[in-house]
């Protein structure tokens, strides 16, 4: 028997509609719900069950009628919520006056669709900017900004919701993903020490030994799949510097399963990073992220191994002062000492391990492979560099030293010119990752690049690396590989402030000293050892169209022919 008078169905439907609008404006717009979608759905199910009991016990509805009417109320709520979101985003949002594709203003699914399938986000962003201008709305709350004069301010901003894909608790994630500025600053310090130039010098012999294995393997094979070979090398170098030992990929010729899994997972990241809420939901499902498991196991395994070694060294009183100290040793010592610079938990330490391998190995692989590709494509520059190197190292590769390379200003200038131009034309962080404007908003002052622009607070902004690096306002003949633009006295327009492959400011890549040492050495030693050619009948000029944006730059396989140079030829 009903204990109270049930309201009319019309009033229930109206209340459902008002609830949908209220939920949007009073809660969803004010709270980051991207990572609590499952929780909200759980709360919704609980409310649905409670209302079903209310309808049947209090109002006397039959179970069938209660389920039917509640389902209609749920549908009205969903339609009301969706309508409120779409109307607000399309016509009342604080970004409504910024130009951009019409569909992008309503849902981030628009960008997800553009990013999936062929993984050409960088090309899509390029086309969008060509059509709509320097500042384009590419999502409900996301602007893509290609103004180079705004880079220092943009790159210094806080981190958007994507950065919390591994979790929102800063005590359980890597410092690089932490969205708490002071936490990021403090925990970055052991990394800066670990990658400092004096520490990297202690690893130089090991790095050169691994590069030597790559050189010998290349001599034996003659024609190699460049991304594959150099991917193994970068993975091994990161293992050496990060954990004190190589993973053995270069010498064995077999890619570690963790390396394969990491690259496979990046395709998912490349698609889902624009919809953080969807990525979190899918990862939370049973079996979600299973393809990533070998990589996670690798990262956890090497941390456990390194922790055992570290504990054993402490018990024996062994000192590391005169030894090369890997990155993990710096982090473990910081944990021993305590304080704000240390990874606060075991989960955070595991997160540091994942970021170290993924960021260190993956981006370096594309840089290495691309730089060798361009050495084959630009024979004039290759020959010029070889002549400079032959003069410094008349005995060939056997007499190479990194210290001697960087000590010769002309050879270093051309080595860096090749590297800088490679990173400009094909940046590893191909589209960048969003950052968040504070509640106070920001102003991009008027400059030669455009008028003053006011960016409202609480929105995400993206600095699209590929697009900015290829902007003809900053770089003359932007799609051409012209390393001479970086040489002092060049008349080719080159706005160095628009070049940011390692990021800039307080978020600059902490591993930059290692990357420079590794890539410079590969450039010089490859040039000393080989003449490089494309295989006959290969449409190598079309290769760039096959490059993908799968979170970082992803290179399809390509082969080059390496013809060994002799010391005698070097001197001729």
Protein backbone atom coordinates (compact mmCIF):
# COMPACT_ATOMS: atom_id res chain seq x y z
CA UNK A 1 0.00 0.00 0.00
CA UNK A 2 1.27 3.46 -0.90
CA UNK A 3 2.25 5.47 2.15
CA UNK A 4 2.08 8.82 0.39
CA UNK A 5 0.60 10.35 -2.71
CA UNK A 6 2.78 9.83 -5.77
CA UNK A 7 3.55 12.94 -7.82
CA UNK A 8 2.33 13.21 -11.38
CA UNK A 9 4.50 11.69 -14.05
CA UNK A 10 4.82 15.05 -15.77
CA UNK A 11 6.32 16.56 -12.63
CA UNK A 12 8.78 13.65 -12.39
CA UNK A 13 9.87 14.21 -15.98
CA UNK A 14 10.23 17.94 -15.34
CA UNK A 15 12.26 17.32 -12.21
CA UNK A 16 14.53 14.97 -14.22
CA UNK A 17 15.09 17.68 -16.84
CA UNK A 18 15.90 20.30 -14.19
CA UNK A 19 18.26 17.82 -12.49
CA UNK A 20 20.21 17.32 -15.72
CA UNK A 21 20.69 21.06 -16.24
CA UNK A 22 21.54 21.60 -12.57
CA UNK A 23 24.09 18.77 -12.54
CA UNK A 24 25.85 20.33 -15.51
CA UNK A 25 26.04 23.90 -14.26
CA UNK A 26 26.36 23.37 -10.52
CA UNK A 27 28.73 20.39 -10.52
CA UNK A 28 30.18 19.15 -13.84
CA UNK A 29 31.44 22.59 -14.93
CA UNK A 30 33.15 23.21 -11.59
CA UNK A 31 34.80 19.84 -10.90
CA UNK A 32 37.30 17.75 -12.88
CA UNK A 33 35.13 14.74 -13.51
CA UNK A 34 37.45 13.18 -16.08
CA UNK A 35 38.79 10.62 -13.62
CA UNK A 36 35.66 9.90 -11.59
CA UNK A 37 33.30 8.89 -14.39
CA UNK A 38 32.97 5.32 -13.10
CA UNK A 39 32.33 6.66 -9.59
CA UNK A 40 29.60 8.93 -10.91
CA UNK A 41 28.06 6.05 -12.81
CA UNK A 42 28.18 3.98 -9.62
CA UNK A 43 26.44 6.74 -7.71
CA UNK A 44 23.86 6.93 -10.48
CA UNK A 45 23.15 3.21 -10.27
CA UNK A 46 22.78 3.49 -6.49
CA UNK A 47 20.33 6.39 -6.86
CA UNK A 48 18.42 4.46 -9.53
CA UNK A 49 18.03 1.45 -7.19
CA UNK A 50 17.03 3.65 -4.26
CA UNK A 51 14.40 5.45 -6.34
CA UNK A 52 13.09 2.12 -7.60
CA UNK A 53 12.57 1.02 -3.99
CA UNK A 54 10.93 4.39 -3.22
CA UNK A 55 8.57 4.08 -6.20
CA UNK A 56 7.46 0.60 -5.23
CA UNK A 57 7.40 0.78 -1.41
CA UNK A 58 6.43 4.39 -0.76
CA UNK A 59 4.39 5.29 -3.83
CA UNK A 60 2.95 1.86 -4.53
CA UNK A 61 4.14 1.45 -8.14
CA UNK A 62 4.48 -2.06 -9.45
CA UNK A 63 8.05 -3.09 -10.14
CA UNK A 64 7.48 -3.04 -13.90
CA UNK A 65 5.93 0.42 -13.82
CA UNK A 66 8.66 1.73 -11.53
CA UNK A 67 11.40 0.47 -13.87
CA UNK A 68 9.61 1.90 -16.90
CA UNK A 69 9.06 5.35 -15.41
CA UNK A 70 12.54 5.54 -13.91
CA UNK A 71 14.02 4.63 -17.30
CA UNK A 72 12.05 7.47 -18.89
CA UNK A 73 13.27 9.82 -16.15
CA UNK A 74 16.83 8.67 -16.76
CA UNK A 75 16.45 9.30 -20.48
CA UNK A 76 15.03 12.79 -19.82
CA UNK A 77 17.93 13.50 -17.42
CA UNK A 78 20.48 12.36 -20.03
CA UNK A 79 18.87 14.39 -22.81
CA UNK A 80 18.65 17.46 -20.60
CA UNK A 81 22.28 17.10 -19.49
CA UNK A 82 23.51 16.55 -23.05
CA UNK A 83 21.49 19.47 -24.41
CA UNK A 84 22.76 21.75 -21.66
CA UNK A 85 26.38 20.76 -22.37
CA UNK A 86 26.07 21.20 -26.13
CA UNK A 87 24.25 24.52 -25.96
CA UNK A 88 26.69 25.91 -23.41
CA UNK A 89 29.80 24.75 -25.29
CA UNK A 90 28.52 25.88 -28.64
CA UNK A 91 27.14 29.31 -27.81
CA UNK A 92 27.99 30.44 -24.25
CA UNK A 93 31.40 28.96 -23.44
CA UNK A 94 34.24 31.40 -22.70
CA UNK A 95 36.00 30.12 -25.84
CA UNK A 96 33.00 30.70 -28.10
CA UNK A 97 34.64 33.60 -29.95
CA UNK A 98 37.76 31.69 -30.96
CA UNK A 99 37.69 30.28 -34.49
CA UNK A 100 37.91 26.59 -35.24
CA UNK A 101 36.10 23.59 -36.73
CA UNK A 102 32.43 23.67 -35.80
CA UNK A 103 32.33 20.14 -34.40
CA UNK A 104 35.34 20.70 -32.16
CA UNK A 105 33.49 23.15 -29.93
CA UNK A 106 30.93 20.55 -28.88
CA UNK A 107 33.00 17.48 -27.96
CA UNK A 108 36.57 16.24 -27.58
CA UNK A 109 35.41 13.19 -29.51
CA UNK A 110 35.87 15.32 -32.62
CA UNK A 111 39.62 15.48 -32.01
CA UNK A 112 39.71 11.82 -31.02
CA UNK A 113 38.20 10.91 -34.39
CA UNK A 114 40.79 13.05 -36.16
CA UNK A 115 43.59 11.42 -34.15
CA UNK A 116 42.61 7.79 -34.60
CA UNK A 117 42.94 5.58 -37.63
CA UNK A 118 45.87 7.04 -39.56
CA UNK A 119 47.41 8.80 -36.51
CA UNK A 120 47.97 12.09 -38.31
CA UNK A 121 47.12 14.59 -35.57
CA UNK A 122 50.14 16.72 -36.50
CA UNK A 123 48.97 16.99 -40.10
CA UNK A 124 45.39 17.74 -39.03
CA UNK A 125 46.60 20.51 -36.71
CA UNK A 126 48.66 21.92 -39.56
CA UNK A 127 45.62 22.03 -41.87
CA UNK A 128 43.42 23.53 -39.15
CA UNK A 129 45.88 26.34 -38.45
CA UNK A 130 46.27 27.05 -42.16
CA UNK A 131 42.50 27.44 -42.38
CA UNK A 132 41.64 29.24 -39.14
CA UNK A 133 44.77 31.12 -38.07
CA UNK A 134 47.30 31.13 -35.26
CA UNK A 135 44.89 30.46 -32.38
CA UNK A 136 42.29 27.78 -32.99
CA UNK A 137 39.69 26.10 -30.81
CA UNK A 138 40.17 22.35 -31.29
CA UNK A 139 38.08 21.14 -28.35
CA UNK A 140 35.37 22.32 -25.96
CA UNK A 141 38.02 23.81 -23.66
CA UNK A 142 41.19 23.41 -25.73
CA UNK A 143 43.03 25.99 -27.83
CA UNK A 144 45.91 25.25 -30.18
CA UNK A 145 48.30 28.23 -30.29
CA UNK A 146 51.15 28.50 -32.78
CA UNK A 147 52.43 31.92 -31.74
CA UNK A 148 56.18 31.47 -30.98
CA UNK A 149 56.27 34.69 -28.95
CA UNK A 150 53.87 33.06 -26.46
CA UNK A 151 55.95 29.91 -25.91
CA UNK A 152 57.74 30.99 -22.70
CA UNK A 153 54.44 31.78 -20.97
CA UNK A 154 52.57 28.80 -22.41
CA UNK A 155 55.23 26.24 -21.53
CA UNK A 156 55.40 27.55 -17.95
CA UNK A 157 51.70 26.92 -17.32
CA UNK A 158 50.33 24.18 -15.09
CA UNK A 159 49.41 20.74 -16.35
CA UNK A 160 45.99 19.81 -17.69
CA UNK A 161 43.91 16.75 -16.87
CA UNK A 162 45.81 14.55 -19.35
CA UNK A 163 48.85 14.63 -17.07
CA UNK A 164 46.84 12.83 -14.40
CA UNK A 165 46.15 9.79 -16.59
CA UNK A 166 48.31 7.67 -14.26
CA UNK A 167 46.48 9.01 -11.20
CA UNK A 168 45.73 12.28 -9.46
CA UNK A 169 47.61 11.48 -6.22
CA UNK A 170 51.01 13.16 -6.64
CA UNK A 171 52.48 10.84 -4.00
CA UNK A 172 51.92 7.80 -6.21
CA UNK A 173 53.09 9.03 -9.61
CA UNK A 174 56.26 10.22 -11.30
CA UNK A 175 57.46 13.76 -10.65
CA UNK A 176 57.03 14.52 -14.36
CA UNK A 177 53.29 13.83 -14.13
CA UNK A 178 52.75 15.68 -10.87
CA UNK A 179 50.41 18.65 -11.22
CA UNK A 180 51.56 20.18 -7.93
CA UNK A 181 54.19 22.79 -8.90
CA UNK A 182 56.25 22.66 -5.70
CA UNK A 183 56.20 18.85 -5.66
CA UNK A 184 57.39 18.79 -9.29
CA UNK A 185 60.15 21.30 -8.55
CA UNK A 186 61.47 19.46 -5.48
CA UNK A 187 61.36 15.96 -6.93
CA UNK A 188 63.02 17.07 -10.16
CA UNK A 189 66.28 17.86 -8.31
CA UNK A 190 67.70 14.30 -8.07
CA UNK A 191 67.00 13.90 -11.79
CA UNK A 192 68.85 17.08 -12.64
CA UNK A 193 71.84 15.84 -10.67
CA UNK A 194 71.64 12.38 -12.24
CA UNK A 195 71.64 13.81 -15.78
CA UNK A 196 74.18 16.55 -15.13
CA UNK A 197 77.19 16.83 -17.42
CA UNK A 198 79.74 15.57 -14.83
CA UNK A 199 77.67 12.41 -14.23
CA UNK A 200 77.13 11.86 -17.95
CA UNK A 201 80.90 12.04 -18.47
CA UNK A 202 81.27 9.03 -16.20
CA UNK A 203 78.89 7.10 -18.42
CA UNK A 204 80.55 8.15 -21.67
CA UNK A 205 82.71 5.04 -22.04
CA UNK A 206 79.66 2.80 -21.66
CA UNK A 207 77.59 4.89 -24.07
CA UNK A 208 80.37 4.82 -26.67
CA UNK A 209 80.70 1.06 -26.22
CA UNK A 210 77.01 0.58 -27.02
CA UNK A 211 77.28 2.88 -30.04
CA UNK A 212 80.29 0.80 -31.11
CA UNK A 213 78.09 -2.32 -31.07
CA UNK A 214 75.61 -0.52 -33.34
CA UNK A 215 78.48 0.42 -35.67
CA UNK A 216 79.75 -3.18 -35.84
CA UNK A 217 76.26 -4.60 -36.39
CA UNK A 218 75.74 -2.11 -39.21
CA UNK A 219 79.05 -3.07 -40.81
CA UNK A 220 78.07 -6.73 -40.72
CA UNK A 221 74.61 -6.18 -42.22
CA UNK A 222 75.27 -3.37 -44.68
CA UNK A 223 71.58 -2.58 -45.08
CA UNK A 224 69.58 -2.10 -41.89
CA UNK A 225 66.13 -1.14 -40.71
CA UNK A 226 67.21 2.13 -39.13
CA UNK A 227 64.34 2.79 -36.67
CA UNK A 228 64.57 -0.78 -35.42
CA UNK A 229 68.33 -0.77 -34.90
CA UNK A 230 68.51 2.66 -33.31
CA UNK A 231 65.47 1.96 -31.18
CA UNK A 232 67.35 -0.93 -29.60
CA UNK A 233 70.38 1.30 -29.09
CA UNK A 234 68.40 4.06 -27.36
CA UNK A 235 66.70 1.46 -25.14
CA UNK A 236 70.07 0.04 -24.11
CA UNK A 237 71.58 3.45 -23.41
CA UNK A 238 68.62 4.34 -21.21
CA UNK A 239 69.08 1.05 -19.35
CA UNK A 240 72.75 1.82 -18.78
CA UNK A 241 72.23 5.36 -17.51
CA UNK A 242 68.97 4.61 -15.71
CA UNK A 243 69.78 1.32 -13.98
CA UNK A 244 73.51 0.75 -14.47
CA UNK A 245 73.27 -1.93 -17.16
CA UNK A 246 72.25 -2.32 -20.77
CA UNK A 247 69.21 -4.41 -21.70
CA UNK A 248 71.25 -6.16 -24.41
CA UNK A 249 68.95 -5.32 -27.31
CA UNK A 250 71.66 -3.96 -29.61
CA UNK A 251 74.04 -6.89 -29.19
CA UNK A 252 71.34 -9.58 -29.39
CA UNK A 253 69.42 -7.94 -32.21
CA UNK A 254 66.17 -8.82 -30.41
CA UNK A 255 63.86 -6.14 -29.03
CA UNK A 256 62.87 -6.58 -25.39
CA UNK A 257 59.14 -7.43 -25.01
CA UNK A 258 58.82 -4.37 -22.79
CA UNK A 259 60.05 -2.16 -25.62
CA UNK A 260 57.55 -3.69 -28.03
CA UNK A 261 54.72 -3.25 -25.50
CA UNK A 262 55.66 0.37 -24.82
CA UNK A 263 55.43 1.28 -28.49
CA UNK A 264 52.17 -0.60 -28.90
CA UNK A 265 50.64 1.25 -25.95
CA UNK A 266 51.63 4.58 -27.44
CA UNK A 267 49.10 4.10 -30.21
CA UNK A 268 46.37 4.06 -27.57
CA UNK A 269 47.84 7.11 -25.85
CA UNK A 270 48.08 8.92 -29.17
CA UNK A 271 44.36 8.50 -29.70
CA UNK A 272 42.94 8.80 -26.19
CA UNK A 273 45.06 11.61 -24.72
CA UNK A 274 42.52 14.15 -25.99
CA UNK A 275 39.72 12.39 -24.07
CA UNK A 276 41.23 11.78 -20.65
CA UNK A 277 37.90 10.62 -19.23
CA UNK A 278 37.58 7.88 -21.88
CA UNK A 279 41.19 6.74 -21.42
CA UNK A 280 40.65 6.41 -17.69
CA UNK A 281 37.41 4.46 -18.16
CA UNK A 282 38.94 2.00 -20.62
CA UNK A 283 42.05 1.47 -18.48
CA UNK A 284 39.81 0.66 -15.52
CA UNK A 285 38.01 -2.14 -17.33
CA UNK A 286 39.13 -5.76 -16.75
CA UNK A 287 41.92 -6.40 -19.21
CA UNK A 288 42.28 -2.69 -19.97
CA UNK A 289 45.91 -1.89 -20.69
CA UNK A 290 46.85 -5.58 -20.92
CA UNK A 291 49.08 -4.87 -23.92
CA UNK A 292 51.09 -2.59 -21.64
CA UNK A 293 51.77 -5.32 -19.05
CA UNK A 294 55.20 -6.45 -20.37
CA UNK A 295 56.42 -2.87 -20.17
CA UNK A 296 55.04 -2.43 -16.64
CA UNK A 297 56.68 -5.71 -15.61
CA UNK A 298 59.99 -4.55 -17.06
CA UNK A 299 59.88 -1.24 -15.19
CA UNK A 300 58.88 -2.87 -11.90
CA UNK A 301 61.47 -5.64 -12.31
CA UNK A 302 64.45 -3.38 -12.86
CA UNK A 303 63.42 -1.24 -9.88
CA UNK A 304 63.26 -4.29 -7.60
CA UNK A 305 66.65 -5.46 -8.84
CA UNK A 306 68.19 -2.05 -8.31
CA UNK A 307 66.67 -1.79 -4.83
CA UNK A 308 68.28 -5.11 -3.84
CA UNK A 309 71.67 -3.92 -5.11
CA UNK A 310 71.28 -0.62 -3.29
CA UNK A 311 70.38 -2.35 -0.01
CA UNK A 312 73.32 -4.69 -0.35
CA UNK A 313 75.68 -1.77 -0.94
CA UNK A 314 74.37 0.00 2.15
CA UNK A 315 74.84 -3.07 4.33
CA UNK A 316 78.38 -3.60 3.10
CA UNK A 317 79.27 0.05 3.47
CA UNK A 318 80.27 0.26 -0.19
CA UNK A 319 80.75 3.80 -1.44
CA UNK A 320 79.59 5.08 -4.84
CA UNK A 321 81.66 8.26 -4.84
CA UNK A 322 84.17 7.02 -7.39
CA UNK A 323 81.70 5.07 -9.50
CA UNK A 324 79.23 6.10 -12.13
CA UNK A 325 75.93 6.54 -10.33
CA UNK A 326 72.83 5.71 -12.35
CA UNK A 327 69.55 7.60 -12.16
CA UNK A 328 67.88 4.99 -9.96
CA UNK A 329 70.76 5.21 -7.48
CA UNK A 330 70.16 8.96 -7.16
CA UNK A 331 66.45 8.35 -6.54
CA UNK A 332 67.06 5.58 -3.99
CA UNK A 333 69.56 7.74 -2.11
CA UNK A 334 67.00 10.54 -2.06
CA UNK A 335 64.50 8.09 -0.54
CA UNK A 336 67.06 7.08 2.09
CA UNK A 337 67.57 10.72 3.05
CA UNK A 338 63.86 11.56 2.99
CA UNK A 339 62.61 15.04 2.36
CA UNK A 340 60.63 16.62 -0.45
CA UNK A 341 63.07 15.61 -3.22
CA UNK A 342 62.51 11.90 -2.75
CA UNK A 343 59.89 9.75 -4.48
CA UNK A 344 57.33 9.64 -1.65
CA UNK A 345 56.13 6.04 -2.20
CA UNK A 346 57.04 2.78 -3.91
CA UNK A 347 54.28 3.52 -6.43
CA UNK A 348 55.96 6.83 -7.24
CA UNK A 349 59.31 5.09 -7.69
CA UNK A 350 57.73 2.66 -10.14
CA UNK A 351 56.20 5.63 -11.94
CA UNK A 352 59.64 7.23 -12.22
CA UNK A 353 60.93 4.03 -13.80
CA UNK A 354 58.15 3.99 -16.41
CA UNK A 355 58.66 7.62 -17.37
CA UNK A 356 62.44 7.24 -17.53
CA UNK A 357 62.30 4.40 -20.05
CA UNK A 358 59.37 5.68 -22.08
CA UNK A 359 60.54 9.28 -22.34
CA UNK A 360 64.23 8.51 -22.59
CA UNK A 361 64.19 5.66 -25.08
CA UNK A 362 61.21 6.42 -27.31
CA UNK A 363 61.90 10.06 -28.18
CA UNK A 364 65.62 9.42 -28.65
CA UNK A 365 64.86 6.60 -31.07
CA UNK A 366 62.98 8.85 -33.46
CA UNK A 367 65.65 11.56 -33.17
CA UNK A 368 68.42 9.07 -33.97
CA UNK A 369 66.57 7.44 -36.86
CA UNK A 370 65.55 10.75 -38.40
CA UNK A 371 69.00 12.26 -38.16
CA UNK A 372 70.50 9.29 -40.03
CA UNK A 373 67.68 9.53 -42.61
CA UNK A 374 68.57 13.15 -43.30
CA UNK A 375 72.28 12.34 -43.47
CA UNK A 376 71.43 10.02 -46.36
CA UNK A 377 69.07 12.56 -47.94
CA UNK A 378 71.52 15.48 -47.78
CA UNK A 379 74.73 14.11 -49.26
CA UNK A 380 76.34 17.54 -49.51
CA UNK A 381 76.05 18.11 -45.76
CA UNK A 382 77.17 14.56 -45.02
CA UNK A 383 80.32 14.97 -47.11
CA UNK A 384 81.09 18.31 -45.48
CA UNK A 385 80.71 16.84 -42.00
CA UNK A 386 82.86 13.85 -42.94
CA UNK A 387 85.65 16.16 -44.06
CA UNK A 388 85.55 18.07 -40.78
CA UNK A 389 85.56 14.85 -38.76
CA UNK A 390 88.35 13.29 -40.81
CA UNK A 391 90.57 16.22 -39.92
CA UNK A 392 89.84 15.80 -36.19
CA UNK A 393 89.95 11.98 -36.15
CA UNK A 394 92.48 10.99 -38.85
CA UNK A 395 92.58 7.49 -37.42
CA UNK A 396 88.85 7.03 -38.00
CA UNK A 397 86.31 5.84 -35.48
CA UNK A 398 88.94 4.12 -33.33
CA UNK A 399 90.23 7.56 -32.31
CA UNK A 400 86.81 9.15 -31.70
CA UNK A 401 86.15 10.88 -28.40
CA UNK A 402 83.15 12.94 -27.43
CA UNK A 403 85.33 15.46 -25.61
CA UNK A 404 87.37 16.06 -28.75
CA UNK A 405 84.20 16.44 -30.85
CA UNK A 406 82.66 19.13 -28.65
CA UNK A 407 86.05 20.78 -28.33
CA UNK A 408 86.15 21.56 -32.04
CA UNK A 409 83.82 24.50 -32.63
CA UNK A 410 83.32 24.00 -36.37
CA UNK A 411 82.65 20.26 -36.22
CA UNK A 412 80.33 20.73 -33.24
CA UNK A 413 78.49 23.55 -35.02
CA UNK A 414 77.74 21.35 -38.02
CA UNK A 415 76.88 18.33 -35.90
CA UNK A 416 74.42 20.43 -33.92
CA UNK A 417 73.11 22.06 -37.11
CA UNK A 418 72.17 18.61 -38.45
CA UNK A 419 70.62 17.69 -35.11
CA UNK A 420 68.71 20.96 -34.66
CA UNK A 421 67.35 20.89 -38.18
CA UNK A 422 66.29 17.27 -37.78
CA UNK A 423 64.47 18.10 -34.54
CA UNK A 424 62.87 21.10 -36.22
CA UNK A 425 61.57 19.25 -39.27
CA UNK A 426 60.67 16.08 -37.35
CA UNK A 427 60.26 16.80 -33.62
CA UNK A 428 59.89 13.64 -31.45
CA UNK A 429 57.22 15.32 -29.29
CA UNK A 430 55.30 15.84 -32.46
CA UNK A 431 52.09 17.55 -31.27
CA UNK A 432 52.88 18.41 -27.68
CA UNK A 433 50.67 17.97 -24.62
CA UNK A 434 48.12 20.43 -23.21
CA UNK A 435 48.70 22.79 -20.33
CA UNK A 436 46.14 24.69 -18.28
CA UNK A 437 45.66 28.45 -17.97
CA UNK A 438 45.15 29.58 -14.38
CA UNK A 439 41.87 31.11 -13.23
CA UNK A 440 43.27 34.60 -13.79
CA UNK A 441 43.70 33.95 -17.52
CA UNK A 442 46.61 35.20 -19.58
CA UNK A 443 47.40 37.80 -22.22
CA UNK A 444 49.51 37.21 -25.32
CA UNK A 445 50.87 40.70 -26.10
CA UNK A 446 50.78 42.17 -29.58
CA UNK A 447 53.93 41.43 -31.58
CA UNK A 448 55.15 40.92 -35.10
CA UNK A 449 53.32 37.57 -34.98
CA UNK A 450 49.89 38.98 -34.31
CA UNK A 451 47.62 41.18 -32.19
CA UNK A 452 47.06 41.02 -28.45
CA UNK A 453 45.00 38.01 -27.44
CA UNK A 454 43.26 37.44 -24.10
CA UNK A 455 43.01 33.78 -23.09
CA UNK A 456 40.35 33.13 -20.44
CA UNK A 457 41.19 31.18 -17.31
CA UNK A 458 40.49 27.52 -16.75
CA UNK A 459 41.07 26.36 -20.32
CA UNK A 460 43.70 24.08 -21.83
CA UNK A 461 46.23 25.29 -24.38
CA UNK A 462 48.42 23.34 -26.77
CA UNK A 463 51.65 24.45 -28.43
CA UNK A 464 51.75 22.15 -31.50
CA UNK A 465 55.43 21.44 -32.04
CA UNK A 466 55.23 20.22 -35.64
CA UNK A 467 53.15 23.22 -36.67
CA UNK A 468 55.32 25.84 -34.94
CA UNK A 469 58.54 24.29 -36.21
CA UNK A 470 57.23 24.53 -39.77
CA UNK A 471 55.82 28.04 -39.65
CA UNK A 472 57.24 30.14 -42.47
CA UNK A 473 57.07 33.23 -40.25
CA UNK A 474 59.87 31.73 -38.17
CA UNK A 475 61.68 29.53 -40.65
CA UNK A 476 62.38 30.32 -44.29
CA UNK A 477 61.54 27.41 -46.61
CA UNK A 478 60.14 25.60 -43.56
CA UNK A 479 59.57 22.15 -45.06
CA UNK A 480 63.13 21.86 -46.40
CA UNK A 481 66.04 20.32 -44.52
CA UNK A 482 68.58 23.16 -44.40
CA UNK A 483 71.05 22.61 -41.54
CA UNK A 484 73.09 25.60 -42.70
CA UNK A 485 70.34 27.86 -41.31
CA UNK A 486 71.77 27.11 -37.83
CA UNK A 487 75.33 28.12 -38.74
CA UNK A 488 76.40 31.56 -37.55
CA UNK A 489 76.19 34.11 -40.31
CA UNK A 490 73.56 32.22 -42.31
CA UNK A 491 71.12 34.40 -44.25
CA UNK A 492 68.36 31.79 -44.08
CA UNK A 493 65.68 32.96 -41.63
CA UNK A 494 65.80 30.95 -38.42
CA UNK A 495 63.89 32.03 -35.32
CA UNK A 496 65.65 30.01 -32.63
CA UNK A 497 63.05 31.02 -30.04
CA UNK A 498 60.46 29.04 -32.04
CA UNK A 499 62.53 25.86 -31.75
CA UNK A 500 61.65 23.83 -28.64
CA UNK A 501 62.14 20.07 -29.19
CA UNK A 502 63.26 19.66 -25.55
CA UNK A 503 60.60 22.07 -24.23
CA UNK A 504 61.75 25.25 -22.50
CA UNK A 505 61.79 26.88 -19.09
CA UNK A 506 61.17 24.98 -15.89
CA UNK A 507 59.74 22.01 -17.78
CA UNK A 508 62.74 21.55 -20.10
CA UNK A 509 63.61 17.90 -20.68
CA UNK A 510 65.72 16.76 -17.74
CA UNK A 511 67.47 14.16 -19.93
CA UNK A 512 68.69 16.69 -22.51
CA UNK A 513 72.41 16.31 -21.58
CA UNK A 514 72.21 12.56 -22.22
CA UNK A 515 70.24 13.00 -25.45
CA UNK A 516 72.76 15.50 -26.82
CA UNK A 517 75.72 13.27 -25.97
CA UNK A 518 74.08 10.20 -27.48
CA UNK A 519 72.79 11.78 -30.70
CA UNK A 520 75.91 13.86 -31.36
CA UNK A 521 78.03 10.73 -30.95
CA UNK A 522 75.84 8.72 -33.31
CA UNK A 523 75.94 11.48 -35.94
CA UNK A 524 79.72 11.80 -35.79
CA UNK A 525 80.55 8.11 -35.57
CA UNK A 526 78.09 7.15 -38.30
CA UNK A 527 79.60 9.80 -40.58
CA UNK A 528 83.14 8.63 -39.78
CA UNK A 529 82.31 5.01 -40.55
CA UNK A 530 79.84 5.09 -43.43
CA UNK A 531 78.66 6.57 -46.65
CA UNK A 532 74.87 6.28 -46.50
CA UNK A 533 72.44 5.79 -49.36
CA UNK A 534 68.79 5.04 -49.92
CA UNK A 535 68.06 1.67 -51.55
CA UNK A 536 67.43 1.90 -55.31
CA UNK A 537 63.85 2.33 -56.52
CA UNK A 538 62.71 3.52 -53.09
CA UNK A 539 60.32 6.50 -53.02
CA UNK A 540 62.15 7.96 -50.04
CA UNK A 541 60.75 11.45 -50.60
CA UNK A 542 57.25 10.13 -49.80
CA UNK A 543 58.38 8.67 -46.49
CA UNK A 544 57.48 11.74 -44.48
CA UNK A 545 53.79 11.23 -45.30
CA UNK A 546 53.90 7.86 -43.50
CA UNK A 547 55.11 9.32 -40.19
CA UNK A 548 52.53 8.98 -37.41
CA UNK A 549 51.65 10.86 -34.26
CA UNK A 550 51.15 8.08 -31.74
CA UNK A 551 51.69 10.16 -28.60
CA UNK A 552 55.28 10.70 -29.76
CA UNK A 553 56.56 10.56 -33.33
CA UNK A 554 56.24 7.02 -34.62
CA UNK A 555 58.34 5.99 -37.59
CA UNK A 556 57.41 3.18 -39.97
CA UNK A 557 60.36 0.96 -40.92
CA UNK A 558 62.83 2.22 -43.48
CA UNK A 559 66.12 0.78 -44.68
CA UNK A 560 69.36 2.49 -45.64
CA UNK A 561 72.52 1.18 -47.23
CA UNK A 562 75.69 1.77 -45.18
CA UNK A 563 78.92 1.52 -47.14
CA UNK A 564 81.94 1.25 -44.91
CA UNK A 565 84.60 3.92 -45.22
CA UNK A 566 88.22 3.01 -44.52
CA UNK A 567 90.81 5.07 -42.70
CA UNK A 568 92.66 5.47 -45.99
CA UNK A 569 89.54 6.85 -47.66
CA UNK A 570 89.06 9.16 -44.72
CA UNK A 571 92.43 10.74 -45.38
CA UNK A 572 91.95 11.06 -49.18
